[in-house]
Each structure stands twice: as C-alpha cells, then as structure tokens.
All heavy atoms as atom14 arrays in JSON, in Angstrom:
{
  "sequence": "GCEIGWEIKRGRLGRLLKDCTFSGISPAFWARCDAVANRSSFRLYGIP",
  "atom14_mask": [
    [1, 1, 1, 1, 0, 0, 0, 0, 0, 0, 0, 0, 0, 0],
    [1, 1, 1, 1, 1, 1, 0, 0, 0, 0, 0, 0, 0, 0],
    [1, 1, 1, 1, 1, 1, 1, 1, 1, 0, 0, 0, 0, 0],
    [1, 1, 1, 1, 1, 1, 1, 1, 0, 0, 0, 0, 0, 0],
    [1, 1, 1, 1, 0, 0, 0, 0, 0, 0, 0, 0, 0, 0],
    [1, 1, 1, 1, 1, 1, 1, 1, 1, 1, 1, 1, 1, 1],
    [1, 1, 1, 1, 1, 1, 1, 1, 1, 0, 0, 0, 0, 0],
    [1, 1, 1, 1, 1, 1, 1, 1, 0, 0, 0, 0, 0, 0],
    [1, 1, 1, 1, 1, 1, 1, 1, 1, 0, 0, 0, 0, 0],
    [1, 1, 1, 1, 1, 1, 1, 1, 1, 1, 1, 0, 0, 0],
    [1, 1, 1, 1, 0, 0, 0, 0, 0, 0, 0, 0, 0, 0],
    [1, 1, 1, 1, 1, 1, 1, 1, 1, 1, 1, 0, 0, 0],
    [1, 1, 1, 1, 1, 1, 1, 1, 0, 0, 0, 0, 0, 0],
    [1, 1, 1, 1, 0, 0, 0, 0, 0, 0, 0, 0, 0, 0],
    [1, 1, 1, 1, 1, 1, 1, 1, 1, 1, 1, 0, 0, 0],
    [1, 1, 1, 1, 1, 1, 1, 1, 0, 0, 0, 0, 0, 0],
    [1, 1, 1, 1, 1, 1, 1, 1, 0, 0, 0, 0, 0, 0],
    [1, 1, 1, 1, 1, 1, 1, 1, 1, 0, 0, 0, 0, 0],
    [1, 1, 1, 1, 1, 1, 1, 1, 0, 0, 0, 0, 0, 0],
    [1, 1, 1, 1, 1, 1, 0, 0, 0, 0, 0, 0, 0, 0],
    [1, 1, 1, 1, 1, 1, 1, 0, 0, 0, 0, 0, 0, 0],
    [1, 1, 1, 1, 1, 1, 1, 1, 1, 1, 1, 0, 0, 0],
    [1, 1, 1, 1, 1, 1, 0, 0, 0, 0, 0, 0, 0, 0],
    [1, 1, 1, 1, 0, 0, 0, 0, 0, 0, 0, 0, 0, 0],
    [1, 1, 1, 1, 1, 1, 1, 1, 0, 0, 0, 0, 0, 0],
    [1, 1, 1, 1, 1, 1, 0, 0, 0, 0, 0, 0, 0, 0],
    [1, 1, 1, 1, 1, 1, 1, 0, 0, 0, 0, 0, 0, 0],
    [1, 1, 1, 1, 1, 0, 0, 0, 0, 0, 0, 0, 0, 0],
    [1, 1, 1, 1, 1, 1, 1, 1, 1, 1, 1, 0, 0, 0],
    [1, 1, 1, 1, 1, 1, 1, 1, 1, 1, 1, 1, 1, 1],
    [1, 1, 1, 1, 1, 0, 0, 0, 0, 0, 0, 0, 0, 0],
    [1, 1, 1, 1, 1, 1, 1, 1, 1, 1, 1, 0, 0, 0],
    [1, 1, 1, 1, 1, 1, 0, 0, 0, 0, 0, 0, 0, 0],
    [1, 1, 1, 1, 1, 1, 1, 1, 0, 0, 0, 0, 0, 0],
    [1, 1, 1, 1, 1, 0, 0, 0, 0, 0, 0, 0, 0, 0],
    [1, 1, 1, 1, 1, 1, 1, 0, 0, 0, 0, 0, 0, 0],
    [1, 1, 1, 1, 1, 0, 0, 0, 0, 0, 0, 0, 0, 0],
    [1, 1, 1, 1, 1, 1, 1, 1, 0, 0, 0, 0, 0, 0],
    [1, 1, 1, 1, 1, 1, 1, 1, 1, 1, 1, 0, 0, 0],
    [1, 1, 1, 1, 1, 1, 0, 0, 0, 0, 0, 0, 0, 0],
    [1, 1, 1, 1, 1, 1, 0, 0, 0, 0, 0, 0, 0, 0],
    [1, 1, 1, 1, 1, 1, 1, 1, 1, 1, 1, 0, 0, 0],
    [1, 1, 1, 1, 1, 1, 1, 1, 1, 1, 1, 0, 0, 0],
    [1, 1, 1, 1, 1, 1, 1, 1, 0, 0, 0, 0, 0, 0],
    [1, 1, 1, 1, 1, 1, 1, 1, 1, 1, 1, 1, 0, 0],
    [1, 1, 1, 1, 0, 0, 0, 0, 0, 0, 0, 0, 0, 0],
    [1, 1, 1, 1, 1, 1, 1, 1, 0, 0, 0, 0, 0, 0],
    [1, 1, 1, 1, 1, 1, 1, 0, 0, 0, 0, 0, 0, 0]
  ],
  "atom14_positions": [
    [[-26.54, 51.17, -10.12], [-26.95, 51.93, -11.35], [-27.29, 53.41, -10.95], [-28.03, 53.59, -9.96], [0.0, 0.0, 0.0], [0.0, 0.0, 0.0], [0.0, 0.0, 0.0], [0.0, 0.0, 0.0], [0.0, 0.0, 0.0], [0.0, 0.0, 0.0], [0.0, 0.0, 0.0], [0.0, 0.0, 0.0], [0.0, 0.0, 0.0], [0.0, 0.0, 0.0]],
    [[-26.88, 54.3, -11.75], [-27.27, 55.78, -11.6], [-28.04, 56.2, -12.77], [-27.91, 55.79, -13.84], [-26.0, 56.56, -11.32], [-25.08, 56.02, -9.91], [0.0, 0.0, 0.0], [0.0, 0.0, 0.0], [0.0, 0.0, 0.0], [0.0, 0.0, 0.0], [0.0, 0.0, 0.0], [0.0, 0.0, 0.0], [0.0, 0.0, 0.0], [0.0, 0.0, 0.0]],
    [[-28.9, 57.22, -12.51], [-29.73, 57.77, -13.54], [-28.96, 58.58, -14.55], [-29.26, 58.68, -15.76], [-30.89, 58.53, -12.98], [-32.01, 57.67, -12.35], [-33.13, 58.57, -11.91], [-33.41, 59.65, -12.55], [-33.8, 58.08, -10.96], [0.0, 0.0, 0.0], [0.0, 0.0, 0.0], [0.0, 0.0, 0.0], [0.0, 0.0, 0.0], [0.0, 0.0, 0.0]],
    [[-27.97, 59.34, -14.01], [-27.27, 60.32, -14.86], [-25.73, 60.37, -14.46], [-25.46, 60.0, -13.44], [-27.92, 61.69, -14.63], [-27.47, 62.71, -15.72], [-27.7, 62.29, -13.18], [-28.32, 64.0, -15.71], [0.0, 0.0, 0.0], [0.0, 0.0, 0.0], [0.0, 0.0, 0.0], [0.0, 0.0, 0.0], [0.0, 0.0, 0.0], [0.0, 0.0, 0.0]],
    [[-24.92, 60.83, -15.45], [-23.55, 61.0, -15.24], [-23.05, 61.93, -16.23], [-23.72, 62.37, -17.25], [0.0, 0.0, 0.0], [0.0, 0.0, 0.0], [0.0, 0.0, 0.0], [0.0, 0.0, 0.0], [0.0, 0.0, 0.0], [0.0, 0.0, 0.0], [0.0, 0.0, 0.0], [0.0, 0.0, 0.0], [0.0, 0.0, 0.0], [0.0, 0.0, 0.0]],
    [[-21.91, 62.42, -15.93], [-21.18, 63.36, -16.91], [-19.74, 62.75, -17.07], [-19.06, 62.49, -16.18], [-21.08, 64.77, -16.31], [-22.37, 65.34, -16.08], [-23.04, 66.27, -17.05], [-23.28, 65.17, -15.05], [-24.24, 66.58, -16.55], [-24.35, 65.99, -15.27], [-23.2, 64.51, -13.84], [-25.49, 66.08, -14.42], [-24.32, 64.62, -12.91], [-25.4, 65.4, -13.24]],
    [[-19.3, 62.75, -18.3], [-17.94, 62.28, -18.64], [-17.06, 63.43, -18.15], [-17.42, 64.61, -18.11], [-17.9, 62.2, -20.19], [-16.53, 61.81, -20.68], [-16.63, 61.75, -22.24], [-16.85, 62.78, -22.83], [-16.49, 60.57, -22.67], [0.0, 0.0, 0.0], [0.0, 0.0, 0.0], [0.0, 0.0, 0.0], [0.0, 0.0, 0.0], [0.0, 0.0, 0.0]],
    [[-15.91, 62.95, -17.58], [-14.83, 63.87, -17.2], [-13.59, 63.58, -18.12], [-13.14, 62.41, -18.06], [-14.47, 63.78, -15.67], [-15.6, 64.0, -14.76], [-13.2, 64.69, -15.32], [-15.3, 63.74, -13.36], [0.0, 0.0, 0.0], [0.0, 0.0, 0.0], [0.0, 0.0, 0.0], [0.0, 0.0, 0.0], [0.0, 0.0, 0.0], [0.0, 0.0, 0.0]],
    [[-13.09, 64.58, -18.77], [-11.97, 64.46, -19.64], [-10.98, 65.58, -19.36], [-11.42, 66.78, -19.46], [-12.3, 64.45, -21.17], [-13.13, 63.26, -21.68], [-12.18, 61.98, -21.59], [-12.92, 60.72, -22.21], [-12.25, 59.54, -22.2], [0.0, 0.0, 0.0], [0.0, 0.0, 0.0], [0.0, 0.0, 0.0], [0.0, 0.0, 0.0], [0.0, 0.0, 0.0]],
    [[-9.71, 65.28, -19.03], [-8.76, 66.38, -18.86], [-9.29, 67.34, -17.79], [-9.03, 68.61, -18.01], [-8.28, 66.91, -20.16], [-7.53, 65.92, -20.93], [-7.06, 66.48, -22.25], [-8.08, 66.8, -23.33], [-8.85, 65.94, -23.89], [-8.72, 64.71, -23.7], [-9.89, 66.36, -24.73], [0.0, 0.0, 0.0], [0.0, 0.0, 0.0], [0.0, 0.0, 0.0]],
    [[-9.89, 66.94, -16.69], [-10.31, 67.9, -15.66], [-11.61, 68.67, -16.01], [-11.82, 69.68, -15.27], [0.0, 0.0, 0.0], [0.0, 0.0, 0.0], [0.0, 0.0, 0.0], [0.0, 0.0, 0.0], [0.0, 0.0, 0.0], [0.0, 0.0, 0.0], [0.0, 0.0, 0.0], [0.0, 0.0, 0.0], [0.0, 0.0, 0.0], [0.0, 0.0, 0.0]],
    [[-12.41, 68.35, -16.95], [-13.53, 69.13, -17.31], [-14.66, 68.26, -17.49], [-14.56, 67.14, -18.02], [-13.31, 69.94, -18.57], [-12.27, 70.95, -18.4], [-12.11, 71.93, -19.52], [-11.45, 73.08, -19.14], [-11.76, 74.22, -19.5], [-12.65, 74.48, -20.46], [-11.12, 75.28, -18.99], [0.0, 0.0, 0.0], [0.0, 0.0, 0.0], [0.0, 0.0, 0.0]],
    [[-15.88, 68.63, -17.03], [-17.08, 67.82, -17.31], [-17.5, 67.96, -18.76], [-17.39, 69.03, -19.43], [-18.29, 68.45, -16.51], [-18.22, 68.27, -14.98], [-19.48, 68.93, -14.38], [-18.2, 66.85, -14.63], [0.0, 0.0, 0.0], [0.0, 0.0, 0.0], [0.0, 0.0, 0.0], [0.0, 0.0, 0.0], [0.0, 0.0, 0.0], [0.0, 0.0, 0.0]],
    [[-17.75, 66.82, -19.31], [-18.1, 66.77, -20.75], [-19.56, 66.33, -21.01], [-20.49, 66.75, -20.29], [0.0, 0.0, 0.0], [0.0, 0.0, 0.0], [0.0, 0.0, 0.0], [0.0, 0.0, 0.0], [0.0, 0.0, 0.0], [0.0, 0.0, 0.0], [0.0, 0.0, 0.0], [0.0, 0.0, 0.0], [0.0, 0.0, 0.0], [0.0, 0.0, 0.0]],
    [[-19.74, 65.37, -21.95], [-21.11, 64.98, -22.34], [-21.85, 64.35, -21.25], [-21.32, 63.68, -20.38], [-20.99, 64.14, -23.65], [-20.31, 62.75, -23.38], [-20.1, 62.05, -24.63], [-19.39, 60.81, -24.35], [-19.86, 59.55, -24.49], [-21.08, 59.39, -24.94], [-19.18, 58.58, -24.23], [0.0, 0.0, 0.0], [0.0, 0.0, 0.0], [0.0, 0.0, 0.0]],
    [[-23.14, 64.56, -21.38], [-24.18, 63.94, -20.38], [-24.26, 62.45, -20.74], [-24.4, 62.13, -21.98], [-25.49, 64.7, -20.53], [-26.55, 64.28, -19.66], [-26.18, 64.78, -18.2], [-27.89, 65.02, -20.0], [0.0, 0.0, 0.0], [0.0, 0.0, 0.0], [0.0, 0.0, 0.0], [0.0, 0.0, 0.0], [0.0, 0.0, 0.0], [0.0, 0.0, 0.0]],
    [[-24.42, 61.6, -19.74], [-24.45, 60.13, -19.89], [-25.7, 59.72, -19.19], [-26.1, 60.31, -18.26], [-23.22, 59.38, -19.31], [-21.9, 59.87, -19.86], [-20.74, 59.34, -19.09], [-21.69, 59.51, -21.3], [0.0, 0.0, 0.0], [0.0, 0.0, 0.0], [0.0, 0.0, 0.0], [0.0, 0.0, 0.0], [0.0, 0.0, 0.0], [0.0, 0.0, 0.0]],
    [[-26.22, 58.52, -19.58], [-27.44, 58.02, -18.82], [-27.14, 56.52, -18.54], [-26.41, 55.84, -19.14], [-28.71, 58.16, -19.66], [-28.75, 57.38, -20.88], [-30.19, 57.62, -21.52], [-30.4, 56.64, -22.68], [-31.71, 56.76, -23.32], [0.0, 0.0, 0.0], [0.0, 0.0, 0.0], [0.0, 0.0, 0.0], [0.0, 0.0, 0.0], [0.0, 0.0, 0.0]],
    [[-27.95, 56.0, -17.43], [-27.77, 54.63, -17.05], [-26.35, 54.29, -16.75], [-25.93, 53.16, -17.19], [-28.41, 53.81, -18.1], [-29.91, 54.01, -18.37], [-30.54, 54.38, -17.45], [-30.39, 53.87, -19.5], [0.0, 0.0, 0.0], [0.0, 0.0, 0.0], [0.0, 0.0, 0.0], [0.0, 0.0, 0.0], [0.0, 0.0, 0.0], [0.0, 0.0, 0.0]],
    [[-25.69, 55.07, -16.03], [-24.32, 54.67, -15.7], [-24.35, 53.62, -14.51], [-25.27, 53.59, -13.66], [-23.57, 55.92, -15.06], [-23.56, 57.34, -16.19], [0.0, 0.0, 0.0], [0.0, 0.0, 0.0], [0.0, 0.0, 0.0], [0.0, 0.0, 0.0], [0.0, 0.0, 0.0], [0.0, 0.0, 0.0], [0.0, 0.0, 0.0], [0.0, 0.0, 0.0]],
    [[-23.34, 52.73, -14.5], [-23.26, 51.71, -13.53], [-21.77, 51.7, -12.91], [-20.83, 52.11, -13.7], [-23.52, 50.36, -13.98], [-22.67, 49.93, -15.02], [-25.05, 50.27, -14.45], [0.0, 0.0, 0.0], [0.0, 0.0, 0.0], [0.0, 0.0, 0.0], [0.0, 0.0, 0.0], [0.0, 0.0, 0.0], [0.0, 0.0, 0.0], [0.0, 0.0, 0.0]],
    [[-21.64, 51.23, -11.71], [-20.33, 50.94, -11.25], [-20.54, 49.67, -10.31], [-21.49, 49.38, -9.79], [-19.7, 52.02, -10.44], [-20.43, 52.52, -9.18], [-20.02, 52.1, -7.95], [-21.48, 53.38, -9.28], [-20.75, 52.51, -6.74], [-22.2, 53.79, -8.21], [-21.76, 53.34, -6.91], [0.0, 0.0, 0.0], [0.0, 0.0, 0.0], [0.0, 0.0, 0.0]],
    [[-19.44, 48.85, -10.36], [-19.43, 47.54, -9.53], [-18.19, 47.27, -9.01], [-17.06, 47.84, -9.37], [-19.99, 46.45, -10.49], [-19.1, 46.37, -11.53], [0.0, 0.0, 0.0], [0.0, 0.0, 0.0], [0.0, 0.0, 0.0], [0.0, 0.0, 0.0], [0.0, 0.0, 0.0], [0.0, 0.0, 0.0], [0.0, 0.0, 0.0], [0.0, 0.0, 0.0]],
    [[-18.18, 46.22, -8.02], [-16.9, 45.83, -7.51], [-16.99, 44.96, -6.36], [-18.1, 44.45, -5.95], [0.0, 0.0, 0.0], [0.0, 0.0, 0.0], [0.0, 0.0, 0.0], [0.0, 0.0, 0.0], [0.0, 0.0, 0.0], [0.0, 0.0, 0.0], [0.0, 0.0, 0.0], [0.0, 0.0, 0.0], [0.0, 0.0, 0.0], [0.0, 0.0, 0.0]],
    [[-15.9, 44.83, -5.63], [-15.85, 44.05, -4.35], [-15.59, 45.06, -3.26], [-14.71, 45.75, -3.44], [-14.74, 43.01, -4.35], [-14.75, 42.09, -5.62], [-14.59, 42.2, -3.09], [-16.08, 41.2, -5.64], [0.0, 0.0, 0.0], [0.0, 0.0, 0.0], [0.0, 0.0, 0.0], [0.0, 0.0, 0.0], [0.0, 0.0, 0.0], [0.0, 0.0, 0.0]],
    [[-16.4, 45.1, -2.17], [-16.41, 46.24, -1.36], [-15.06, 46.63, -0.8], [-14.79, 47.81, -0.85], [-17.43, 45.96, -0.24], [-18.72, 45.92, -0.64], [0.0, 0.0, 0.0], [0.0, 0.0, 0.0], [0.0, 0.0, 0.0], [0.0, 0.0, 0.0], [0.0, 0.0, 0.0], [0.0, 0.0, 0.0], [0.0, 0.0, 0.0], [0.0, 0.0, 0.0]],
    [[-14.31, 45.69, -0.17], [-13.0, 46.12, 0.38], [-12.14, 46.77, -0.69], [-11.45, 47.79, -0.38], [-12.44, 44.97, 1.01], [-13.6, 43.98, 1.22], [-14.49, 44.29, 0.24], [0.0, 0.0, 0.0], [0.0, 0.0, 0.0], [0.0, 0.0, 0.0], [0.0, 0.0, 0.0], [0.0, 0.0, 0.0], [0.0, 0.0, 0.0], [0.0, 0.0, 0.0]],
    [[-12.03, 46.17, -1.78], [-11.2, 46.75, -2.86], [-11.73, 48.08, -3.4], [-10.91, 48.97, -3.71], [-11.06, 45.7, -4.06], [0.0, 0.0, 0.0], [0.0, 0.0, 0.0], [0.0, 0.0, 0.0], [0.0, 0.0, 0.0], [0.0, 0.0, 0.0], [0.0, 0.0, 0.0], [0.0, 0.0, 0.0], [0.0, 0.0, 0.0], [0.0, 0.0, 0.0]],
    [[-12.98, 48.19, -3.46], [-13.62, 49.45, -3.99], [-13.3, 50.58, -2.99], [-12.8, 51.63, -3.45], [-15.13, 49.2, -4.09], [-15.87, 50.51, -4.34], [-15.96, 50.99, -5.67], [-16.59, 51.26, -3.32], [-16.62, 52.09, -5.96], [-17.26, 52.33, -3.65], [-17.33, 52.79, -4.97], [0.0, 0.0, 0.0], [0.0, 0.0, 0.0], [0.0, 0.0, 0.0]],
    [[-13.58, 50.35, -1.76], [-13.31, 51.39, -0.76], [-11.81, 51.73, -0.65], [-11.4, 52.9, -0.4], [-13.86, 51.11, 0.57], [-15.37, 51.18, 0.56], [-16.24, 50.16, 0.56], [-16.07, 52.41, 0.42], [-17.46, 50.67, 0.41], [-17.44, 52.04, 0.35], [-15.78, 53.75, 0.43], [-18.51, 52.97, 0.27], [-16.82, 54.7, 0.37], [-18.24, 54.28, 0.16]],
    [[-10.86, 50.79, -0.89], [-9.54, 50.98, -0.83], [-9.07, 51.93, -1.92], [-7.95, 52.6, -1.91], [-8.74, 49.68, -0.84], [0.0, 0.0, 0.0], [0.0, 0.0, 0.0], [0.0, 0.0, 0.0], [0.0, 0.0, 0.0], [0.0, 0.0, 0.0], [0.0, 0.0, 0.0], [0.0, 0.0, 0.0], [0.0, 0.0, 0.0], [0.0, 0.0, 0.0]],
    [[-9.87, 52.03, -3.05], [-9.55, 52.87, -4.15], [-10.03, 54.23, -4.08], [-10.0, 54.98, -5.04], [-10.12, 52.19, -5.41], [-9.38, 50.88, -5.75], [-9.81, 50.22, -6.94], [-9.06, 49.02, -7.38], [-9.64, 47.82, -7.37], [-10.83, 47.69, -7.17], [-8.73, 46.86, -7.69], [0.0, 0.0, 0.0], [0.0, 0.0, 0.0], [0.0, 0.0, 0.0]],
    [[-10.65, 54.63, -3.01], [-11.09, 56.05, -2.77], [-9.9, 56.91, -2.46], [-9.15, 56.72, -1.52], [-12.07, 56.04, -1.64], [-12.75, 57.64, -1.31], [0.0, 0.0, 0.0], [0.0, 0.0, 0.0], [0.0, 0.0, 0.0], [0.0, 0.0, 0.0], [0.0, 0.0, 0.0], [0.0, 0.0, 0.0], [0.0, 0.0, 0.0], [0.0, 0.0, 0.0]],
    [[-9.73, 58.0, -3.24], [-8.66, 58.92, -2.98], [-8.96, 60.37, -2.84], [-8.11, 61.12, -2.62], [-7.63, 58.7, -4.19], [-8.05, 59.29, -5.48], [-9.24, 59.64, -5.6], [-7.15, 59.45, -6.36], [0.0, 0.0, 0.0], [0.0, 0.0, 0.0], [0.0, 0.0, 0.0], [0.0, 0.0, 0.0], [0.0, 0.0, 0.0], [0.0, 0.0, 0.0]],
    [[-10.27, 60.56, -2.93], [-10.81, 61.94, -2.62], [-12.23, 61.91, -2.2], [-13.0, 61.27, -2.68], [-10.54, 62.84, -3.86], [0.0, 0.0, 0.0], [0.0, 0.0, 0.0], [0.0, 0.0, 0.0], [0.0, 0.0, 0.0], [0.0, 0.0, 0.0], [0.0, 0.0, 0.0], [0.0, 0.0, 0.0], [0.0, 0.0, 0.0], [0.0, 0.0, 0.0]],
    [[-12.5, 62.8, -1.22], [-13.86, 62.94, -0.75], [-14.17, 64.41, -0.68], [-13.43, 65.14, -0.05], [-14.1, 62.24, 0.71], [-15.52, 62.45, 1.22], [-13.79, 60.75, 0.66], [0.0, 0.0, 0.0], [0.0, 0.0, 0.0], [0.0, 0.0, 0.0], [0.0, 0.0, 0.0], [0.0, 0.0, 0.0], [0.0, 0.0, 0.0], [0.0, 0.0, 0.0]],
    [[-15.32, 64.74, -1.27], [-15.62, 66.29, -1.3], [-15.99, 66.79, -0.01], [-16.4, 66.09, 0.96], [-16.81, 66.44, -2.4], [0.0, 0.0, 0.0], [0.0, 0.0, 0.0], [0.0, 0.0, 0.0], [0.0, 0.0, 0.0], [0.0, 0.0, 0.0], [0.0, 0.0, 0.0], [0.0, 0.0, 0.0], [0.0, 0.0, 0.0], [0.0, 0.0, 0.0]],
    [[-15.97, 68.11, 0.13], [-16.2, 68.73, 1.36], [-17.71, 68.97, 1.67], [-18.57, 68.6, 0.82], [-15.48, 70.1, 1.49], [-15.84, 71.02, 0.35], [-16.93, 71.03, -0.16], [-14.94, 72.01, 0.01], [0.0, 0.0, 0.0], [0.0, 0.0, 0.0], [0.0, 0.0, 0.0], [0.0, 0.0, 0.0], [0.0, 0.0, 0.0], [0.0, 0.0, 0.0]],
    [[-17.99, 69.59, 2.71], [-19.44, 69.74, 3.32], [-20.27, 70.52, 2.26], [-21.5, 70.27, 2.18], [-19.34, 70.5, 4.61], [-20.79, 70.55, 5.11], [-20.69, 70.44, 6.71], [-21.64, 69.85, 7.48], [-22.17, 68.72, 7.33], [-22.04, 67.97, 6.31], [-23.03, 68.11, 8.25], [0.0, 0.0, 0.0], [0.0, 0.0, 0.0], [0.0, 0.0, 0.0]],
    [[-19.71, 71.35, 1.45], [-20.63, 72.14, 0.63], [-21.33, 71.25, -0.44], [-22.29, 71.68, -1.07], [-19.77, 73.23, -0.2], [-18.87, 72.69, -1.03], [0.0, 0.0, 0.0], [0.0, 0.0, 0.0], [0.0, 0.0, 0.0], [0.0, 0.0, 0.0], [0.0, 0.0, 0.0], [0.0, 0.0, 0.0], [0.0, 0.0, 0.0], [0.0, 0.0, 0.0]],
    [[-20.82, 70.04, -0.66], [-21.48, 69.11, -1.61], [-22.32, 68.03, -0.96], [-22.84, 67.13, -1.58], [-20.4, 68.44, -2.43], [-19.58, 69.4, -3.26], [0.0, 0.0, 0.0], [0.0, 0.0, 0.0], [0.0, 0.0, 0.0], [0.0, 0.0, 0.0], [0.0, 0.0, 0.0], [0.0, 0.0, 0.0], [0.0, 0.0, 0.0], [0.0, 0.0, 0.0]],
    [[-22.48, 68.12, 0.4], [-23.24, 67.08, 1.07], [-24.73, 67.07, 0.78], [-25.34, 68.1, 0.64], [-23.04, 67.24, 2.58], [-23.77, 66.15, 3.49], [-23.03, 64.97, 3.63], [-25.05, 66.34, 3.85], [-23.75, 63.99, 4.46], [-25.65, 65.39, 4.68], [-25.0, 64.15, 4.9], [0.0, 0.0, 0.0], [0.0, 0.0, 0.0], [0.0, 0.0, 0.0]],
    [[-25.34, 65.88, 0.44], [-26.76, 65.81, 0.15], [-27.31, 64.54, 0.91], [-26.54, 63.56, 1.06], [-27.11, 65.75, -1.32], [-26.8, 67.05, -1.95], [-27.45, 67.05, -3.32], [-26.67, 66.26, -4.28], [-26.95, 66.14, -5.5], [-28.08, 66.64, -5.92], [-26.32, 65.32, -6.31], [0.0, 0.0, 0.0], [0.0, 0.0, 0.0], [0.0, 0.0, 0.0]],
    [[-28.6, 64.6, 1.31], [-29.18, 63.38, 1.85], [-30.16, 62.89, 0.92], [-31.04, 63.58, 0.45], [-29.86, 63.82, 3.21], [-30.51, 62.71, 4.07], [-29.49, 61.67, 4.44], [-31.22, 63.24, 5.21], [0.0, 0.0, 0.0], [0.0, 0.0, 0.0], [0.0, 0.0, 0.0], [0.0, 0.0, 0.0], [0.0, 0.0, 0.0], [0.0, 0.0, 0.0]],
    [[-30.1, 61.55, 0.71], [-31.1, 60.97, -0.21], [-31.89, 59.89, 0.54], [-31.35, 59.23, 1.38], [-30.3, 60.19, -1.35], [-29.51, 60.92, -2.34], [-28.22, 61.25, -2.13], [-30.2, 61.55, -3.45], [-27.49, 62.14, -2.98], [-29.47, 62.26, -4.39], [-28.15, 62.53, -4.12], [-27.47, 63.31, -5.05], [0.0, 0.0, 0.0], [0.0, 0.0, 0.0]],
    [[-33.12, 59.72, 0.09], [-33.94, 58.72, 0.66], [-34.03, 57.47, -0.32], [-34.04, 57.73, -1.49], [0.0, 0.0, 0.0], [0.0, 0.0, 0.0], [0.0, 0.0, 0.0], [0.0, 0.0, 0.0], [0.0, 0.0, 0.0], [0.0, 0.0, 0.0], [0.0, 0.0, 0.0], [0.0, 0.0, 0.0], [0.0, 0.0, 0.0], [0.0, 0.0, 0.0]],
    [[-34.0, 56.23, 0.3], [-34.14, 55.07, -0.48], [-35.19, 54.21, 0.05], [-35.3, 54.07, 1.27], [-32.63, 54.29, -0.5], [-31.58, 55.19, -1.01], [-32.77, 53.0, -1.16], [-30.24, 54.66, -0.86], [0.0, 0.0, 0.0], [0.0, 0.0, 0.0], [0.0, 0.0, 0.0], [0.0, 0.0, 0.0], [0.0, 0.0, 0.0], [0.0, 0.0, 0.0]],
    [[-36.06, 53.59, -0.88], [-37.16, 52.8, -0.34], [-36.9, 51.66, 0.55], [-37.69, 51.31, 1.48], [-37.89, 52.38, -1.63], [-37.34, 53.18, -2.79], [-35.98, 53.75, -2.3], [0.0, 0.0, 0.0], [0.0, 0.0, 0.0], [0.0, 0.0, 0.0], [0.0, 0.0, 0.0], [0.0, 0.0, 0.0], [0.0, 0.0, 0.0], [0.0, 0.0, 0.0]]
  ]
}
C-alpha cells in the first residue's frame, strides 16, 4: 500500500489519489517491468 499516487492518462499526470495498492506474484510481477528510471530519480527510504 502507498500513501499517495497520481493518475496517468495519455502520458500526463492527472488527479491525486490516496491509499493506492498493488499486488501480485513476485516472478510474474518482475517480469512485467518494462522501464526503470535513471539516477536523477533515485531515493533511499527507511522502513521499520
């Protein structure tokens, strides 16, 4: 679950969303990755 999200329609960010979720089976999920952003978007998060 994520705190925040933005709708993407026709290549543009749209309305603000809350309580977004995503789910799946790990191997199938990772096989569906078709783009990874470059270093300018890298962030480090801490998790408890």
